[in-house]
Amino acid sequence: MDLMGTPTHPHTPDCAATSVGLPPVPATLPQWERAMQRARAAGQMGQMAMALAFEQQALALALRLVQQTPPAGREDDCIAALVVSHLNVADLQVQAAEPDAAARLLGRAHGLLQSLVADGRCGAALRQAAWRHGRETHAALLAHVRSHGPHPAIAQALAGGGLAGRPS
């Protein structure tokens, strides 16, 4: 999986491994929170390019949180970080007049959650968290279509089998 959430093999996350190219240092939720705070501060100062850079940093951290084995009892927090980061970067992409990039990112986010739900290598708590948070990415996909029209990445994500069945 690359830094923007694109699986290196379509929708097949490895729950215990980090991606090639990412530093071996484990990500932590406090690191993610600091990146989010910096992004929020930059946005409040009107520094949208800086806000986007910090949001992308937070997204990379969130991806690592999920790719490494999340701390026991914090699986939901790690999935929430992943979803929030994807949605925030997509919002900034729309603000930067890049709705196509936002559509692709939202599609990848939803596909990633679908993959986590279906991946038996992932722990049950992580799979259940992905299932629960899938409604947020699903709603974001539909909202994007309402605002910007249909997009192939969104159609593919919505047709990808969904998150209907609750994981065991």
C-alpha atoms as a PDB file:
ATOM      1  CA  MET A   1       0.000   0.000   0.000  1.00  0.00           C
ATOM      2  CA  ASP A   2       1.374   3.396  -0.867  1.00  0.00           C
ATOM      3  CA  LEU A   3       1.150   6.523   1.267  1.00  0.00           C
ATOM      4  CA  MET A   4      -2.186   7.577  -0.223  1.00  0.00           C
ATOM      5  CA  GLY A   5      -3.844   4.275   0.555  1.00  0.00           C
ATOM      6  CA  THR A   6      -3.509   2.600  -2.803  1.00  0.00           C
ATOM      7  CA  PRO A   7      -2.962  -1.089  -2.142  1.00  0.00           C
ATOM      8  CA  THR A   8       0.046  -2.483  -3.953  1.00  0.00           C
ATOM      9  CA  HIS A   9      -2.179  -5.447  -4.696  1.00  0.00           C
ATOM     10  CA  PRO A  10      -5.786  -4.292  -5.199  1.00  0.00           C
ATOM     11  CA  HIS A  11      -7.567  -4.132  -1.858  1.00  0.00           C
ATOM     12  CA  THR A  12      -5.314  -6.619  -0.086  1.00  0.00           C
ATOM     13  CA  PRO A  13      -3.890  -5.003   3.052  1.00  0.00           C
ATOM     14  CA  ASP A  14      -1.386  -6.882   5.130  1.00  0.00           C
ATOM     15  CA  CYS A  15      -2.467  -6.265   8.689  1.00  0.00           C
ATOM     16  CA  ALA A  16       0.884  -7.035  10.248  1.00  0.00           C
ATOM     17  CA  ALA A  17       3.343  -5.553   7.755  1.00  0.00           C
ATOM     18  CA  THR A  18       4.390  -2.039   6.877  1.00  0.00           C
ATOM     19  CA  SER A  19       4.713  -0.961   3.272  1.00  0.00           C
ATOM     20  CA  VAL A  20       7.911  -0.785   1.328  1.00  0.00           C
ATOM     21  CA  GLY A  21       9.336   2.695   1.584  1.00  0.00           C
ATOM     22  CA  LEU A  22       7.850   3.538   4.976  1.00  0.00           C
ATOM     23  CA  PRO A  23      10.272   3.948   7.852  1.00  0.00           C
ATOM     24  CA  PRO A  24      10.295   0.959  10.217  1.00  0.00           C
ATOM     25  CA  VAL A  25       9.458   3.189  13.180  1.00  0.00           C
ATOM     26  CA  PRO A  26       5.934   2.375  14.362  1.00  0.00           C
ATOM     27  CA  ALA A  27       3.317   5.084  14.120  1.00  0.00           C
ATOM     28  CA  THR A  28       1.405   6.139  17.218  1.00  0.00           C
ATOM     29  CA  LEU A  29      -1.954   7.778  17.778  1.00  0.00           C
ATOM     30  CA  PRO A  30      -0.288  10.766  19.517  1.00  0.00           C
ATOM     31  CA  GLN A  31       1.830  11.338  16.379  1.00  0.00           C
ATOM     32  CA  TRP A  32      -1.343  11.251  14.274  1.00  0.00           C
ATOM     33  CA  GLU A  33      -3.065  13.681  16.670  1.00  0.00           C
ATOM     34  CA  ARG A  34      -0.134  16.122  16.468  1.00  0.00           C
ATOM     35  CA  ALA A  35      -0.197  16.057  12.672  1.00  0.00           C
ATOM     36  CA  MET A  36      -3.950  16.707  12.764  1.00  0.00           C
ATOM     37  CA  GLN A  37      -3.483  19.632  15.162  1.00  0.00           C
ATOM     38  CA  ARG A  38      -0.859  21.140  12.873  1.00  0.00           C
ATOM     39  CA  ALA A  39      -3.154  20.722   9.880  1.00  0.00           C
ATOM     40  CA  ARG A  40      -6.022  22.385  11.721  1.00  0.00           C
ATOM     41  CA  ALA A  41      -3.798  25.295  12.794  1.00  0.00           C
ATOM     42  CA  ALA A  42      -2.492  25.784   9.263  1.00  0.00           C
ATOM     43  CA  GLY A  43      -6.040  25.745   7.908  1.00  0.00           C
ATOM     44  CA  GLN A  44      -7.159  28.330  10.452  1.00  0.00           C
ATOM     45  CA  MET A  45      -4.295  30.579   9.314  1.00  0.00           C
ATOM     46  CA  GLY A  46      -5.402  30.170   5.699  1.00  0.00           C
ATOM     47  CA  GLN A  47      -2.283  28.178   4.799  1.00  0.00           C
ATOM     48  CA  MET A  48      -4.115  25.555   2.765  1.00  0.00           C
ATOM     49  CA  ALA A  49      -1.034  24.021   1.111  1.00  0.00           C
ATOM     50  CA  MET A  50       0.532  23.542   4.541  1.00  0.00           C
ATOM     51  CA  ALA A  51      -2.742  22.161   5.910  1.00  0.00           C
ATOM     52  CA  LEU A  52      -2.856  19.653   3.062  1.00  0.00           C
ATOM     53  CA  ALA A  53       0.746  18.615   3.728  1.00  0.00           C
ATOM     54  CA  PHE A  54      -0.004  17.979   7.407  1.00  0.00           C
ATOM     55  CA  GLU A  55      -3.233  16.139   6.542  1.00  0.00           C
ATOM     56  CA  GLN A  56      -1.272  13.928   4.144  1.00  0.00           C
ATOM     57  CA  GLN A  57       1.273  13.296   6.899  1.00  0.00           C
ATOM     58  CA  ALA A  58      -1.580  12.329   9.225  1.00  0.00           C
ATOM     59  CA  LEU A  59      -2.965  10.028   6.524  1.00  0.00           C
ATOM     60  CA  ALA A  60       0.406   8.293   6.149  1.00  0.00           C
ATOM     61  CA  LEU A  61       0.551   7.813   9.925  1.00  0.00           C
ATOM     62  CA  ALA A  62      -3.013   6.475  10.004  1.00  0.00           C
ATOM     63  CA  LEU A  63      -2.185   3.983   7.260  1.00  0.00           C
ATOM     64  CA  ARG A  64       0.810   2.789   9.262  1.00  0.00           C
ATOM     65  CA  LEU A  65      -1.330   2.511  12.403  1.00  0.00           C
ATOM     66  CA  VAL A  66      -3.612   0.095  10.593  1.00  0.00           C
ATOM     67  CA  GLN A  67      -0.866  -1.765   8.725  1.00  0.00           C
ATOM     68  CA  GLN A  68       1.094  -2.475  11.873  1.00  0.00           C
ATOM     69  CA  THR A  69      -0.750  -4.404  14.527  1.00  0.00           C
ATOM     70  CA  PRO A  70      -2.800  -1.702  16.280  1.00  0.00           C
ATOM     71  CA  PRO A  71      -2.497  -1.545  20.066  1.00  0.00           C
ATOM     72  CA  ALA A  72      -4.984  -3.863  21.747  1.00  0.00           C
ATOM     73  CA  GLY A  73      -8.183  -2.000  22.523  1.00  0.00           C
ATOM     74  CA  ARG A  74      -7.268   0.878  20.158  1.00  0.00           C
ATOM     75  CA  GLU A  75      -8.316  -0.732  16.875  1.00  0.00           C
ATOM     76  CA  ASP A  76     -11.391   1.485  16.575  1.00  0.00           C
ATOM     77  CA  ASP A  77      -9.293   4.601  17.211  1.00  0.00           C
ATOM     78  CA  CYS A  78      -6.845   3.556  14.489  1.00  0.00           C
ATOM     79  CA  ILE A  79      -9.635   2.951  11.957  1.00  0.00           C
ATOM     80  CA  ALA A  80     -11.275   6.258  12.948  1.00  0.00           C
ATOM     81  CA  ALA A  81      -7.932   8.013  12.334  1.00  0.00           C
ATOM     82  CA  LEU A  82      -7.717   6.361   8.932  1.00  0.00           C
ATOM     83  CA  VAL A  83     -11.217   7.443   7.941  1.00  0.00           C
ATOM     84  CA  VAL A  84     -10.903  10.992   9.293  1.00  0.00           C
ATOM     85  CA  SER A  85      -7.592  11.472   7.490  1.00  0.00           C
ATOM     86  CA  HIS A  86      -8.983  10.246   4.176  1.00  0.00           C
ATOM     87  CA  LEU A  87     -12.046  12.475   4.498  1.00  0.00           C
ATOM     88  CA  ASN A  88      -9.987  15.533   5.466  1.00  0.00           C
ATOM     89  CA  VAL A  89      -7.534  15.131   2.588  1.00  0.00           C
ATOM     90  CA  ALA A  90     -10.444  14.630   0.176  1.00  0.00           C
ATOM     91  CA  ASP A  91     -12.133  17.796   1.489  1.00  0.00           C
ATOM     92  CA  LEU A  92      -8.947  19.790   0.945  1.00  0.00           C
ATOM     93  CA  GLN A  93      -8.596  18.346  -2.547  1.00  0.00           C
ATOM     94  CA  VAL A  94     -12.130  19.509  -3.373  1.00  0.00           C
ATOM     95  CA  GLN A  95     -11.307  22.969  -1.986  1.00  0.00           C
ATOM     96  CA  ALA A  96      -8.252  23.003  -4.259  1.00  0.00           C
ATOM     97  CA  ALA A  97     -10.536  22.313  -7.255  1.00  0.00           C
ATOM     98  CA  GLU A  98      -9.378  18.695  -7.515  1.00  0.00           C
ATOM     99  CA  PRO A  99     -12.643  16.730  -7.155  1.00  0.00           C
ATOM    100  CA  ASP A 100     -11.249  13.938  -9.352  1.00  0.00           C
ATOM    101  CA  ALA A 101      -8.389  13.314  -6.909  1.00  0.00           C
ATOM    102  CA  ALA A 102     -10.847  13.467  -4.020  1.00  0.00           C
ATOM    103  CA  ALA A 103     -13.117  10.895  -5.690  1.00  0.00           C
ATOM    104  CA  ARG A 104     -10.203   8.507  -6.188  1.00  0.00           C
ATOM    105  CA  LEU A 105      -9.078   8.950  -2.569  1.00  0.00           C
ATOM    106  CA  LEU A 106     -12.581   8.362  -1.209  1.00  0.00           C
ATOM    107  CA  GLY A 107     -12.893   5.251  -3.353  1.00  0.00           C
ATOM    108  CA  ARG A 108      -9.578   3.934  -2.032  1.00  0.00           C
ATOM    109  CA  ALA A 109     -10.632   4.631   1.556  1.00  0.00           C
ATOM    110  CA  HIS A 110     -13.861   2.683   1.153  1.00  0.00           C
ATOM    111  CA  GLY A 111     -12.069  -0.132  -0.674  1.00  0.00           C
ATOM    112  CA  LEU A 112      -9.484  -0.329   2.090  1.00  0.00           C
ATOM    113  CA  LEU A 113     -12.188  -0.730   4.723  1.00  0.00           C
ATOM    114  CA  GLN A 114     -13.879  -3.405   2.602  1.00  0.00           C
ATOM    115  CA  SER A 115     -10.557  -5.228   2.344  1.00  0.00           C
ATOM    116  CA  LEU A 116      -9.942  -5.058   6.074  1.00  0.00           C
ATOM    117  CA  VAL A 117     -13.407  -6.457   6.801  1.00  0.00           C
ATOM    118  CA  ALA A 118     -12.777  -9.384   4.461  1.00  0.00           C
ATOM    119  CA  ASP A 119      -9.156 -10.066   5.474  1.00  0.00           C
ATOM    120  CA  GLY A 120      -9.038 -13.017   7.853  1.00  0.00           C
ATOM    121  CA  ARG A 121      -5.410 -12.167   8.699  1.00  0.00           C
ATOM    122  CA  CYS A 122      -6.660  -9.093  10.572  1.00  0.00           C
ATOM    123  CA  GLY A 123      -7.858  -9.367  14.125  1.00  0.00           C
ATOM    124  CA  ALA A 124     -11.591  -9.432  14.791  1.00  0.00           C
ATOM    125  CA  ALA A 125     -11.558  -6.044  16.565  1.00  0.00           C
ATOM    126  CA  LEU A 126      -9.875  -4.351  13.594  1.00  0.00           C
ATOM    127  CA  ARG A 127     -12.270  -5.988  11.131  1.00  0.00           C
ATOM    128  CA  GLN A 128     -15.294  -4.955  13.198  1.00  0.00           C
ATOM    129  CA  ALA A 129     -14.009  -1.384  13.468  1.00  0.00           C
ATOM    130  CA  ALA A 130     -13.553  -1.258   9.693  1.00  0.00           C
ATOM    131  CA  TRP A 131     -17.113  -2.541   9.246  1.00  0.00           C
ATOM    132  CA  ARG A 132     -18.529   0.092  11.622  1.00  0.00           C
ATOM    133  CA  HIS A 133     -16.635   2.978  10.011  1.00  0.00           C
ATOM    134  CA  GLY A 134     -17.563   1.884   6.502  1.00  0.00           C
ATOM    135  CA  ARG A 135     -20.835   3.810   6.785  1.00  0.00           C
ATOM    136  CA  GLU A 136     -18.820   7.042   6.952  1.00  0.00           C
ATOM    137  CA  THR A 137     -16.878   6.356   3.779  1.00  0.00           C
ATOM    138  CA  HIS A 138     -20.062   5.141   2.080  1.00  0.00           C
ATOM    139  CA  ALA A 139     -21.822   8.389   2.993  1.00  0.00           C
ATOM    140  CA  ALA A 140     -18.814  10.412   1.779  1.00  0.00           C
ATOM    141  CA  LEU A 141     -18.897   8.609  -1.575  1.00  0.00           C
ATOM    142  CA  LEU A 142     -22.597   9.364  -2.016  1.00  0.00           C
ATOM    143  CA  ALA A 143     -22.155  12.998  -0.965  1.00  0.00           C
ATOM    144  CA  HIS A 144     -19.314  13.406  -3.455  1.00  0.00           C
ATOM    145  CA  VAL A 145     -21.505  12.062  -6.267  1.00  0.00           C
ATOM    146  CA  ARG A 146     -24.324  14.437  -5.274  1.00  0.00           C
ATOM    147  CA  SER A 147     -21.953  17.423  -5.306  1.00  0.00           C
ATOM    148  CA  HIS A 148     -19.664  16.582  -8.226  1.00  0.00           C
ATOM    149  CA  GLY A 149     -21.421  13.964 -10.315  1.00  0.00           C
ATOM    150  CA  PRO A 150     -20.555  10.333 -10.958  1.00  0.00           C
ATOM    151  CA  HIS A 151     -16.965   9.115 -11.007  1.00  0.00           C
ATOM    152  CA  PRO A 152     -15.597   5.698 -12.027  1.00  0.00           C
ATOM    153  CA  ALA A 153     -13.587   5.282  -8.789  1.00  0.00           C
ATOM    154  CA  ILE A 154     -16.694   5.880  -6.723  1.00  0.00           C
ATOM    155  CA  ALA A 155     -18.799   3.547  -8.838  1.00  0.00           C
ATOM    156  CA  GLN A 156     -16.143   0.868  -8.430  1.00  0.00           C
ATOM    157  CA  ALA A 157     -15.952   1.370  -4.665  1.00  0.00           C
ATOM    158  CA  LEU A 158     -19.722   1.213  -4.285  1.00  0.00           C
ATOM    159  CA  ALA A 159     -19.913  -1.902  -6.469  1.00  0.00           C
ATOM    160  CA  GLY A 160     -17.078  -3.573  -4.569  1.00  0.00           C
ATOM    161  CA  GLY A 161     -19.305  -5.833  -2.535  1.00  0.00           C
ATOM    162  CA  GLY A 162     -20.062  -3.350   0.206  1.00  0.00           C
ATOM    163  CA  LEU A 163     -19.723  -3.769   3.919  1.00  0.00           C
ATOM    164  CA  ALA A 164     -23.106  -5.429   4.377  1.00  0.00           C
ATOM    165  CA  GLY A 165     -22.092  -8.564   6.225  1.00  0.00           C
ATOM    166  CA  ARG A 166     -20.912  -8.049   9.770  1.00  0.00           C
ATOM    167  CA  PRO A 167     -17.492  -9.606  10.350  1.00  0.00           C
ATOM    168  CA  SER A 168     -17.144 -12.390  12.865  1.00  0.00           C
END
